[in-house]
Amino acid sequence: MASFFKERDDGVELYVRLTPRSSKDAVEGVEQAADERCHLAARVRAVPEKGKANAALEKLLAAELGIPRNSIKVVAGATSRLKTIRVAGNTGELAKLMMELARR
């Protein structure tokens, strides 16, 4: 199974499939698509208008990982369900957090 994140020199890139307009804000674990790419499934209550869903996703991930919100940024897929998220920080520590997140 491929990984849902990639280590970088200054942190990690996380691949997320976001469902906006959900009944709750939640991270639902790692999923594998038909093309065998993996991503973290997340849901937010926010609507996908004017960056509201992306902001809600950043806030949700910060809370789930226990890191400051300003360390998280959507860097690709702003208008798509499939997003790339940059998480800045210590790569080793963030990789451990990603593995913990996947086990929830």
PDB file of N, CA and C in Angstrom:
ATOM      1  N   MET A   1       0.848  -1.182   0.000  1.00  0.00           N
ATOM      2  CA  MET A   1       0.000   0.000   0.000  1.00  0.00           C
ATOM      3  C   MET A   1       0.891   1.243   0.000  1.00  0.00           C
ATOM      4  N   ALA A   2       0.580   2.184  -0.833  1.00  0.00           N
ATOM      5  CA  ALA A   2       1.326   3.432  -0.905  1.00  0.00           C
ATOM      6  C   ALA A   2       1.010   4.282   0.321  1.00  0.00           C
ATOM      7  N   SER A   3       1.849   5.238   0.604  1.00  0.00           N
ATOM      8  CA  SER A   3       1.666   6.088   1.767  1.00  0.00           C
ATOM      9  C   SER A   3       0.778   7.288   1.428  1.00  0.00           C
ATOM     10  N   PHE A   4       0.080   7.791   2.440  1.00  0.00           N
ATOM     11  CA  PHE A   4      -0.784   8.956   2.253  1.00  0.00           C
ATOM     12  C   PHE A   4      -0.043  10.254   2.571  1.00  0.00           C
ATOM     13  N   PHE A   5       1.255  10.145   2.885  1.00  0.00           N
ATOM     14  CA  PHE A   5       2.053  11.340   3.120  1.00  0.00           C
ATOM     15  C   PHE A   5       3.465  11.121   2.589  1.00  0.00           C
ATOM     16  N   LYS A   6       4.146  12.232   2.400  1.00  0.00           N
ATOM     17  CA  LYS A   6       5.505  12.206   1.865  1.00  0.00           C
ATOM     18  C   LYS A   6       6.374  13.104   2.725  1.00  0.00           C
ATOM     19  N   GLU A   7       7.515  12.585   3.155  1.00  0.00           N
ATOM     20  CA  GLU A   7       8.424  13.379   3.980  1.00  0.00           C
ATOM     21  C   GLU A   7       9.159  14.403   3.125  1.00  0.00           C
ATOM     22  N   ARG A   8       9.326  15.601   3.671  1.00  0.00           N
ATOM     23  CA  ARG A   8      10.065  16.701   3.044  1.00  0.00           C
ATOM     24  C   ARG A   8      11.129  17.169   4.027  1.00  0.00           C
ATOM     25  N   ASP A   9      12.053  18.011   3.558  1.00  0.00           N
ATOM     26  CA  ASP A   9      13.100  18.536   4.440  1.00  0.00           C
ATOM     27  C   ASP A   9      12.529  19.364   5.587  1.00  0.00           C
ATOM     28  N   ASP A  10      11.440  20.082   5.325  1.00  0.00           N
ATOM     29  CA  ASP A  10      10.876  20.990   6.320  1.00  0.00           C
ATOM     30  C   ASP A  10       9.538  20.527   6.880  1.00  0.00           C
ATOM     31  N   GLY A  11       9.211  19.249   6.724  1.00  0.00           N
ATOM     32  CA  GLY A  11       7.946  18.725   7.224  1.00  0.00           C
ATOM     33  C   GLY A  11       7.445  17.578   6.370  1.00  0.00           C
ATOM     34  N   VAL A  12       6.129  17.522   6.177  1.00  0.00           N
ATOM     35  CA  VAL A  12       5.529  16.473   5.356  1.00  0.00           C
ATOM     36  C   VAL A  12       4.462  17.064   4.444  1.00  0.00           C
ATOM     37  N   GLU A  13       4.187  16.353   3.360  1.00  0.00           N
ATOM     38  CA  GLU A  13       3.030  16.644   2.512  1.00  0.00           C
ATOM     39  C   GLU A  13       2.037  15.524   2.727  1.00  0.00           C
ATOM     40  N   LEU A  14       0.827  15.900   2.972  1.00  0.00           N
ATOM     41  CA  LEU A  14      -0.245  14.975   3.298  1.00  0.00           C
ATOM     42  C   LEU A  14      -1.272  15.016   2.174  1.00  0.00           C
ATOM     43  N   TYR A  15      -1.718  13.854   1.726  1.00  0.00           N
ATOM     44  CA  TYR A  15      -2.715  13.778   0.664  1.00  0.00           C
ATOM     45  C   TYR A  15      -4.071  13.468   1.296  1.00  0.00           C
ATOM     46  N   VAL A  16      -5.041  14.335   1.018  1.00  0.00           N
ATOM     47  CA  VAL A  16      -6.344  14.271   1.679  1.00  0.00           C
ATOM     48  C   VAL A  16      -7.463  14.275   0.654  1.00  0.00           C
ATOM     49  N   ARG A  17      -8.485  13.479   0.906  1.00  0.00           N
ATOM     50  CA  ARG A  17      -9.731  13.559   0.142  1.00  0.00           C
ATOM     51  C   ARG A  17     -10.761  14.164   1.082  1.00  0.00           C
ATOM     52  N   LEU A  18     -11.207  15.366   0.756  1.00  0.00           N
ATOM     53  CA  LEU A  18     -12.099  16.131   1.628  1.00  0.00           C
ATOM     54  C   LEU A  18     -13.543  16.052   1.148  1.00  0.00           C
ATOM     55  N   THR A  19     -14.437  15.814   2.095  1.00  0.00           N
ATOM     56  CA  THR A  19     -15.866  15.869   1.829  1.00  0.00           C
ATOM     57  C   THR A  19     -16.431  17.055   2.595  1.00  0.00           C
ATOM     58  N   PRO A  20     -16.805  18.133   1.898  1.00  0.00           N
ATOM     59  CA  PRO A  20     -17.410  19.287   2.575  1.00  0.00           C
ATOM     60  C   PRO A  20     -18.905  19.054   2.805  1.00  0.00           C
ATOM     61  N   ARG A  21     -19.520  19.974   3.523  1.00  0.00           N
ATOM     62  CA  ARG A  21     -20.959  19.914   3.817  1.00  0.00           C
ATOM     63  C   ARG A  21     -21.355  18.624   4.523  1.00  0.00           C
ATOM     64  N   SER A  22     -20.500  18.125   5.363  1.00  0.00           N
ATOM     65  CA  SER A  22     -20.782  16.909   6.114  1.00  0.00           C
ATOM     66  C   SER A  22     -21.566  17.251   7.376  1.00  0.00           C
ATOM     67  N   SER A  23     -22.056  16.244   8.061  1.00  0.00           N
ATOM     68  CA  SER A  23     -22.781  16.478   9.308  1.00  0.00           C
ATOM     69  C   SER A  23     -21.839  16.669  10.486  1.00  0.00           C
ATOM     70  N   LYS A  24     -20.534  16.389  10.276  1.00  0.00           N
ATOM     71  CA  LYS A  24     -19.554  16.551  11.350  1.00  0.00           C
ATOM     72  C   LYS A  24     -18.171  16.807  10.772  1.00  0.00           C
ATOM     73  N   ASP A  25     -17.287  17.330  11.603  1.00  0.00           N
ATOM     74  CA  ASP A  25     -15.883  17.489  11.240  1.00  0.00           C
ATOM     75  C   ASP A  25     -15.156  16.254  11.772  1.00  0.00           C
ATOM     76  N   ALA A  26     -14.490  15.513  10.901  1.00  0.00           N
ATOM     77  CA  ALA A  26     -13.830  14.287  11.346  1.00  0.00           C
ATOM     78  C   ALA A  26     -12.778  13.825  10.352  1.00  0.00           C
ATOM     79  N   VAL A  27     -11.752  13.174  10.895  1.00  0.00           N
ATOM     80  CA  VAL A  27     -10.776  12.454  10.087  1.00  0.00           C
ATOM     81  C   VAL A  27     -11.192  11.001  10.162  1.00  0.00           C
ATOM     82  N   GLU A  28     -11.354  10.347   9.008  1.00  0.00           N
ATOM     83  CA  GLU A  28     -11.917   9.006   8.980  1.00  0.00           C
ATOM     84  C   GLU A  28     -10.929   7.910   8.635  1.00  0.00           C
ATOM     85  N   GLY A  29      -9.647   8.219   8.563  1.00  0.00           N
ATOM     86  CA  GLY A  29      -8.657   7.184   8.307  1.00  0.00           C
ATOM     87  C   GLY A  29      -8.135   7.220   6.886  1.00  0.00           C
ATOM     88  N   VAL A  30      -7.302   6.258   6.583  1.00  0.00           N
ATOM     89  CA  VAL A  30      -6.639   6.184   5.287  1.00  0.00           C
ATOM     90  C   VAL A  30      -7.455   5.309   4.348  1.00  0.00           C
ATOM     91  N   GLU A  31      -7.617   5.778   3.117  1.00  0.00           N
ATOM     92  CA  GLU A  31      -8.326   5.031   2.079  1.00  0.00           C
ATOM     93  C   GLU A  31      -7.418   4.869   0.879  1.00  0.00           C
ATOM     94  N   GLN A  32      -7.691   3.825   0.103  1.00  0.00           N
ATOM     95  CA  GLN A  32      -6.940   3.612  -1.129  1.00  0.00           C
ATOM     96  C   GLN A  32      -7.900   3.720  -2.303  1.00  0.00           C
ATOM     97  N   ALA A  33      -7.535   4.555  -3.277  1.00  0.00           N
ATOM     98  CA  ALA A  33      -8.369   4.757  -4.461  1.00  0.00           C
ATOM     99  C   ALA A  33      -8.154   3.611  -5.445  1.00  0.00           C
ATOM    100  N   ALA A  34      -8.960   3.573  -6.478  1.00  0.00           N
ATOM    101  CA  ALA A  34      -8.866   2.525  -7.495  1.00  0.00           C
ATOM    102  C   ALA A  34      -7.512   2.534  -8.197  1.00  0.00           C
ATOM    103  N   ASP A  35      -6.886   3.702  -8.300  1.00  0.00           N
ATOM    104  CA  ASP A  35      -5.569   3.789  -8.946  1.00  0.00           C
ATOM    105  C   ASP A  35      -4.433   3.490  -7.959  1.00  0.00           C
ATOM    106  N   GLU A  36      -4.786   2.979  -6.775  1.00  0.00           N
ATOM    107  CA  GLU A  36      -3.867   2.533  -5.725  1.00  0.00           C
ATOM    108  C   GLU A  36      -3.176   3.669  -4.975  1.00  0.00           C
ATOM    109  N   ARG A  37      -3.559   4.918  -5.220  1.00  0.00           N
ATOM    110  CA  ARG A  37      -3.027   6.027  -4.426  1.00  0.00           C
ATOM    111  C   ARG A  37      -3.787   6.078  -3.105  1.00  0.00           C
ATOM    112  N   CYS A  38      -3.072   6.405  -2.058  1.00  0.00           N
ATOM    113  CA  CYS A  38      -3.682   6.496  -0.732  1.00  0.00           C
ATOM    114  C   CYS A  38      -3.872   7.950  -0.340  1.00  0.00           C
ATOM    115  N   HIS A  39      -4.889   8.174   0.466  1.00  0.00           N
ATOM    116  CA  HIS A  39      -5.158   9.510   0.969  1.00  0.00           C
ATOM    117  C   HIS A  39      -5.872   9.392   2.312  1.00  0.00           C
ATOM    118  N   LEU A  40      -5.803  10.444   3.069  1.00  0.00           N
ATOM    119  CA  LEU A  40      -6.512  10.525   4.325  1.00  0.00           C
ATOM    120  C   LEU A  40      -7.909  11.055   4.032  1.00  0.00           C
ATOM    121  N   ALA A  41      -8.920  10.370   4.506  1.00  0.00           N
ATOM    122  CA  ALA A  41     -10.299  10.814   4.296  1.00  0.00           C
ATOM    123  C   ALA A  41     -10.694  11.751   5.432  1.00  0.00           C
ATOM    124  N   ALA A  42     -11.234  12.903   5.067  1.00  0.00           N
ATOM    125  CA  ALA A  42     -11.661  13.884   6.068  1.00  0.00           C
ATOM    126  C   ALA A  42     -12.998  14.480   5.657  1.00  0.00           C
ATOM    127  N   ARG A  43     -13.763  14.901   6.658  1.00  0.00           N
ATOM    128  CA  ARG A  43     -15.059  15.540   6.436  1.00  0.00           C
ATOM    129  C   ARG A  43     -15.107  16.831   7.238  1.00  0.00           C
ATOM    130  N   VAL A  44     -15.710  17.847   6.657  1.00  0.00           N
ATOM    131  CA  VAL A  44     -15.933  19.104   7.378  1.00  0.00           C
ATOM    132  C   VAL A  44     -17.347  19.598   7.120  1.00  0.00           C
ATOM    133  N   ARG A  45     -17.873  20.340   8.057  1.00  0.00           N
ATOM    134  CA  ARG A  45     -19.226  20.893   7.912  1.00  0.00           C
ATOM    135  C   ARG A  45     -19.258  22.108   6.992  1.00  0.00           C
ATOM    136  N   ALA A  46     -18.126  22.749   6.817  1.00  0.00           N
ATOM    137  CA  ALA A  46     -18.060  23.985   6.029  1.00  0.00           C
ATOM    138  C   ALA A  46     -18.413  23.739   4.565  1.00  0.00           C
ATOM    139  N   VAL A  47     -18.900  24.789   3.927  1.00  0.00           N
ATOM    140  CA  VAL A  47     -19.228  24.724   2.506  1.00  0.00           C
ATOM    141  C   VAL A  47     -17.972  25.023   1.679  1.00  0.00           C
ATOM    142  N   PRO A  48     -17.907  24.493   0.469  1.00  0.00           N
ATOM    143  CA  PRO A  48     -16.724  24.727  -0.368  1.00  0.00           C
ATOM    144  C   PRO A  48     -16.805  26.050  -1.132  1.00  0.00           C
ATOM    145  N   GLU A  49     -16.946  27.126  -0.407  1.00  0.00           N
ATOM    146  CA  GLU A  49     -17.044  28.456  -1.009  1.00  0.00           C
ATOM    147  C   GLU A  49     -16.048  29.394  -0.361  1.00  0.00           C
ATOM    148  N   LYS A  50     -15.310  30.122  -1.184  1.00  0.00           N
ATOM    149  CA  LYS A  50     -14.366  31.139  -0.716  1.00  0.00           C
ATOM    150  C   LYS A  50     -13.352  30.590   0.292  1.00  0.00           C
ATOM    151  N   GLY A  51     -12.939  29.340   0.112  1.00  0.00           N
ATOM    152  CA  GLY A  51     -11.908  28.753   0.958  1.00  0.00           C
ATOM    153  C   GLY A  51     -12.357  28.310   2.341  1.00  0.00           C
ATOM    154  N   LYS A  52     -13.662  28.329   2.597  1.00  0.00           N
ATOM    155  CA  LYS A  52     -14.160  27.967   3.925  1.00  0.00           C
ATOM    156  C   LYS A  52     -13.885  26.504   4.269  1.00  0.00           C
ATOM    157  N   ALA A  53     -14.086  25.596   3.312  1.00  0.00           N
ATOM    158  CA  ALA A  53     -13.837  24.175   3.568  1.00  0.00           C
ATOM    159  C   ALA A  53     -12.342  23.921   3.772  1.00  0.00           C
ATOM    160  N   ASN A  54     -11.495  24.599   3.010  1.00  0.00           N
ATOM    161  CA  ASN A  54     -10.049  24.432   3.169  1.00  0.00           C
ATOM    162  C   ASN A  54      -9.600  24.927   4.542  1.00  0.00           C
ATOM    163  N   ALA A  55     -10.131  26.060   4.975  1.00  0.00           N
ATOM    164  CA  ALA A  55      -9.791  26.585   6.301  1.00  0.00           C
ATOM    165  C   ALA A  55     -10.261  25.632   7.400  1.00  0.00           C
ATOM    166  N   ALA A  56     -11.445  25.073   7.230  1.00  0.00           N
ATOM    167  CA  ALA A  56     -11.958  24.113   8.208  1.00  0.00           C
ATOM    168  C   ALA A  56     -11.083  22.849   8.245  1.00  0.00           C
ATOM    169  N   LEU A  57     -10.600  22.423   7.086  1.00  0.00           N
ATOM    170  CA  LEU A  57      -9.710  21.262   7.034  1.00  0.00           C
ATOM    171  C   LEU A  57      -8.398  21.556   7.763  1.00  0.00           C
ATOM    172  N   GLU A  58      -7.822  22.718   7.521  1.00  0.00           N
ATOM    173  CA  GLU A  58      -6.578  23.092   8.211  1.00  0.00           C
ATOM    174  C   GLU A  58      -6.783  23.106   9.722  1.00  0.00           C
ATOM    175  N   LYS A  59      -7.902  23.662  10.165  1.00  0.00           N
ATOM    176  CA  LYS A  59      -8.211  23.721  11.597  1.00  0.00           C
ATOM    177  C   LYS A  59      -8.394  22.306  12.167  1.00  0.00           C
ATOM    178  N   LEU A  60      -9.104  21.457  11.444  1.00  0.00           N
ATOM    179  CA  LEU A  60      -9.338  20.077  11.879  1.00  0.00           C
ATOM    180  C   LEU A  60      -8.020  19.309  12.013  1.00  0.00           C
ATOM    181  N   LEU A  61      -7.165  19.411  11.006  1.00  0.00           N
ATOM    182  CA  LEU A  61      -5.891  18.688  11.048  1.00  0.00           C
ATOM    183  C   LEU A  61      -5.000  19.203  12.174  1.00  0.00           C
ATOM    184  N   ALA A  62      -4.987  20.503  12.392  1.00  0.00           N
ATOM    185  CA  ALA A  62      -4.197  21.063  13.490  1.00  0.00           C
ATOM    186  C   ALA A  62      -4.660  20.491  14.826  1.00  0.00           C
ATOM    187  N   ALA A  63      -5.965  20.406  15.019  1.00  0.00           N
ATOM    188  CA  ALA A  63      -6.508  19.862  16.266  1.00  0.00           C
ATOM    189  C   ALA A  63      -6.183  18.377  16.401  1.00  0.00           C
ATOM    190  N   GLU A  64      -6.338  17.624  15.322  1.00  0.00           N
ATOM    191  CA  GLU A  64      -6.076  16.181  15.353  1.00  0.00           C
ATOM    192  C   GLU A  64      -4.611  15.872  15.622  1.00  0.00           C
ATOM    193  N   LEU A  65      -3.718  16.682  15.064  1.00  0.00           N
ATOM    194  CA  LEU A  65      -2.280  16.448  15.208  1.00  0.00           C
ATOM    195  C   LEU A  65      -1.687  17.134  16.431  1.00  0.00           C
ATOM    196  N   GLY A  66      -2.421  18.067  17.020  1.00  0.00           N
ATOM    197  CA  GLY A  66      -1.925  18.790  18.180  1.00  0.00           C
ATOM    198  C   GLY A  66      -0.794  19.747  17.847  1.00  0.00           C
ATOM    199  N   ILE A  67      -0.905  20.394  16.692  1.00  0.00           N
ATOM    200  CA  ILE A  67       0.120  21.348  16.258  1.00  0.00           C
ATOM    201  C   ILE A  67      -0.552  22.676  15.917  1.00  0.00           C
ATOM    202  N   PRO A  68       0.228  23.767  15.855  1.00  0.00           N
ATOM    203  CA  PRO A  68      -0.368  25.067  15.528  1.00  0.00           C
ATOM    204  C   PRO A  68      -0.967  25.089  14.123  1.00  0.00           C
ATOM    205  N   ARG A  69      -2.084  25.786  14.002  1.00  0.00           N
ATOM    206  CA  ARG A  69      -2.769  25.865  12.710  1.00  0.00           C
ATOM    207  C   ARG A  69      -1.907  26.534  11.646  1.00  0.00           C
ATOM    208  N   ASN A  70      -1.051  27.474  12.031  1.00  0.00           N
ATOM    209  CA  ASN A  70      -0.241  28.155  11.028  1.00  0.00           C
ATOM    210  C   ASN A  70       0.860  27.264  10.459  1.00  0.00           C
ATOM    211  N   SER A  71       0.987  26.027  10.965  1.00  0.00           N
ATOM    212  CA  SER A  71       1.940  25.054  10.420  1.00  0.00           C
ATOM    213  C   SER A  71       1.336  24.256   9.268  1.00  0.00           C
ATOM    214  N   ILE A  72       0.041  24.431   9.020  1.00  0.00           N
ATOM    215  CA  ILE A  72      -0.680  23.632   8.031  1.00  0.00           C
ATOM    216  C   ILE A  72      -1.220  24.535   6.930  1.00  0.00           C
ATOM    217  N   LYS A  73      -1.021  24.118   5.673  1.00  0.00           N
ATOM    218  CA  LYS A  73      -1.497  24.926   4.547  1.00  0.00           C
ATOM    219  C   LYS A  73      -1.852  24.021   3.365  1.00  0.00           C
ATOM    220  N   VAL A  74      -2.987  24.307   2.733  1.00  0.00           N
ATOM    221  CA  VAL A  74      -3.363  23.628   1.495  1.00  0.00           C
ATOM    222  C   VAL A  74      -2.465  24.194   0.396  1.00  0.00           C
ATOM    223  N   VAL A  75      -1.662  23.324  -0.242  1.00  0.00           N
ATOM    224  CA  VAL A  75      -0.735  23.802  -1.272  1.00  0.00           C
ATOM    225  C   VAL A  75      -1.138  23.371  -2.681  1.00  0.00           C
ATOM    226  N   ALA A  76      -2.067  22.439  -2.790  1.00  0.00           N
ATOM    227  CA  ALA A  76      -2.557  22.017  -4.108  1.00  0.00           C
ATOM    228  C   ALA A  76      -3.973  21.473  -3.945  1.00  0.00           C
ATOM    229  N   GLY A  77      -4.793  21.682  -4.972  1.00  0.00           N
ATOM    230  CA  GLY A  77      -6.153  21.171  -4.967  1.00  0.00           C
ATOM    231  C   GLY A  77      -7.138  22.037  -4.205  1.00  0.00           C
ATOM    232  N   ALA A  78      -6.908  23.326  -4.170  1.00  0.00           N
ATOM    233  CA  ALA A  78      -7.779  24.225  -3.407  1.00  0.00           C
ATOM    234  C   ALA A  78      -9.241  24.113  -3.816  1.00  0.00           C
ATOM    235  N   THR A  79      -9.510  23.828  -5.088  1.00  0.00           N
ATOM    236  CA  THR A  79     -10.899  23.718  -5.554  1.00  0.00           C
ATOM    237  C   THR A  79     -11.295  22.278  -5.866  1.00  0.00           C
ATOM    238  N   SER A  80     -10.495  21.340  -5.438  1.00  0.00           N
ATOM    239  CA  SER A  80     -10.728  19.925  -5.703  1.00  0.00           C
ATOM    240  C   SER A  80     -10.986  19.183  -4.397  1.00  0.00           C
ATOM    241  N   ARG A  81     -11.585  18.015  -4.480  1.00  0.00           N
ATOM    242  CA  ARG A  81     -11.742  17.179  -3.286  1.00  0.00           C
ATOM    243  C   ARG A  81     -10.405  16.582  -2.851  1.00  0.00           C
ATOM    244  N   LEU A  82      -9.533  16.289  -3.815  1.00  0.00           N
ATOM    245  CA  LEU A  82      -8.212  15.745  -3.514  1.00  0.00           C
ATOM    246  C   LEU A  82      -7.239  16.890  -3.318  1.00  0.00           C
ATOM    247  N   LYS A  83      -6.641  16.945  -2.145  1.00  0.00           N
ATOM    248  CA  LYS A  83      -5.794  18.074  -1.774  1.00  0.00           C
ATOM    249  C   LYS A  83      -4.421  17.605  -1.308  1.00  0.00           C
ATOM    250  N   THR A  84      -3.450  18.472  -1.477  1.00  0.00           N
ATOM    251  CA  THR A  84      -2.134  18.259  -0.904  1.00  0.00           C
ATOM    252  C   THR A  84      -1.965  19.307   0.183  1.00  0.00           C
ATOM    253  N   ILE A  85      -1.627  18.859   1.373  1.00  0.00           N
ATOM    254  CA  ILE A  85      -1.477  19.717   2.536  1.00  0.00           C
ATOM    255  C   ILE A  85      -0.015  19.699   2.957  1.00  0.00           C
ATOM    256  N   ARG A  86       0.574  20.857   3.142  1.00  0.00           N
ATOM    257  CA  ARG A  86       1.951  20.953   3.662  1.00  0.00           C
ATOM    258  C   ARG A  86       1.871  21.176   5.161  1.00  0.00           C
ATOM    259  N   VAL A  87       2.560  20.321   5.905  1.00  0.00           N
ATOM    260  CA  VAL A  87       2.642  20.458   7.353  1.00  0.00           C
ATOM    261  C   VAL A  87       4.095  20.739   7.686  1.00  0.00           C
ATOM    262  N   ALA A  88       4.361  21.925   8.188  1.00  0.00           N
ATOM    263  CA  ALA A  88       5.727  22.343   8.503  1.00  0.00           C
ATOM    264  C   ALA A  88       6.108  21.904   9.912  1.00  0.00           C
ATOM    265  N   GLY A  89       7.373  21.498  10.054  1.00  0.00           N
ATOM    266  CA  GLY A  89       7.868  21.099  11.367  1.00  0.00           C
ATOM    267  C   GLY A  89       8.942  20.052  11.240  1.00  0.00           C
ATOM    268  N   ASN A  90       9.247  19.400  12.346  1.00  0.00           N
ATOM    269  CA  ASN A  90      10.254  18.349  12.378  1.00  0.00           C
ATOM    270  C   ASN A  90       9.730  17.129  11.631  1.00  0.00           C
ATOM    271  N   THR A  91      10.429  16.740  10.584  1.00  0.00           N
ATOM    272  CA  THR A  91       9.963  15.657   9.715  1.00  0.00           C
ATOM    273  C   THR A  91       9.759  14.351  10.468  1.00  0.00           C
ATOM    274  N   GLY A  92      10.703  13.989  11.311  1.00  0.00           N
ATOM    275  CA  GLY A  92      10.595  12.732  12.064  1.00  0.00           C
ATOM    276  C   GLY A  92       9.392  12.703  12.984  1.00  0.00           C
ATOM    277  N   GLU A  93       9.191  13.778  13.723  1.00  0.00           N
ATOM    278  CA  GLU A  93       8.046  13.856  14.631  1.00  0.00           C
ATOM    279  C   GLU A  93       6.726  13.852  13.869  1.00  0.00           C
ATOM    280  N   LEU A  94       6.692  14.591  12.757  1.00  0.00           N
ATOM    281  CA  LEU A  94       5.460  14.639  11.960  1.00  0.00           C
ATOM    282  C   LEU A  94       5.146  13.287  11.340  1.00  0.00           C
ATOM    283  N   ALA A  95       6.162  12.555  10.902  1.00  0.00           N
ATOM    284  CA  ALA A  95       5.944  11.221  10.338  1.00  0.00           C
ATOM    285  C   ALA A  95       5.311  10.303  11.387  1.00  0.00           C
ATOM    286  N   LYS A  96       5.767  10.405  12.630  1.00  0.00           N
ATOM    287  CA  LYS A  96       5.170   9.610  13.715  1.00  0.00           C
ATOM    288  C   LYS A  96       3.713  10.000  13.935  1.00  0.00           C
ATOM    289  N   LEU A  97       3.437  11.313  13.909  1.00  0.00           N
ATOM    290  CA  LEU A  97       2.060  11.781  14.070  1.00  0.00           C
ATOM    291  C   LEU A  97       1.169  11.270  12.946  1.00  0.00           C
ATOM    292  N   MET A  98       1.699  11.237  11.724  1.00  0.00           N
ATOM    293  CA  MET A  98       0.921  10.737  10.580  1.00  0.00           C
ATOM    294  C   MET A  98       0.573   9.258  10.762  1.00  0.00           C
ATOM    295  N   MET A  99       1.526   8.484  11.244  1.00  0.00           N
ATOM    296  CA  MET A  99       1.261   7.053  11.466  1.00  0.00           C
ATOM    297  C   MET A  99       0.224   6.853  12.566  1.00  0.00           C
ATOM    298  N   GLU A 100       0.279   7.673  13.604  1.00  0.00           N
ATOM    299  CA  GLU A 100      -0.733   7.614  14.668  1.00  0.00           C
ATOM    300  C   GLU A 100      -2.109   7.986  14.130  1.00  0.00           C
ATOM    301  N   LEU A 101      -2.133   9.000  13.291  1.00  0.00           N
ATOM    302  CA  LEU A 101      -3.384   9.449  12.683  1.00  0.00           C
ATOM    303  C   LEU A 101      -3.997   8.349  11.830  1.00  0.00           C
ATOM    304  N   ALA A 102      -3.169   7.619  11.128  1.00  0.00           N
ATOM    305  CA  ALA A 102      -3.644   6.541  10.252  1.00  0.00           C
ATOM    306  C   ALA A 102      -4.237   5.383  11.062  1.00  0.00           C
ATOM    307  N   ARG A 103      -3.774   5.190  12.294  1.00  0.00           N
ATOM    308  CA  ARG A 103      -4.251   4.088  13.106  1.00  0.00           C
ATOM    309  C   ARG A 103      -5.556   4.384  13.827  1.00  0.00           C
ATOM    310  N   ARG A 104      -5.984   5.632  13.845  1.00  0.00           N
ATOM    311  CA  ARG A 104      -7.219   6.003  14.549  1.00  0.00           C
ATOM    312  C   ARG A 104      -8.438   5.500  13.849  1.00  0.00           C
TER     313      ARG A 104
END
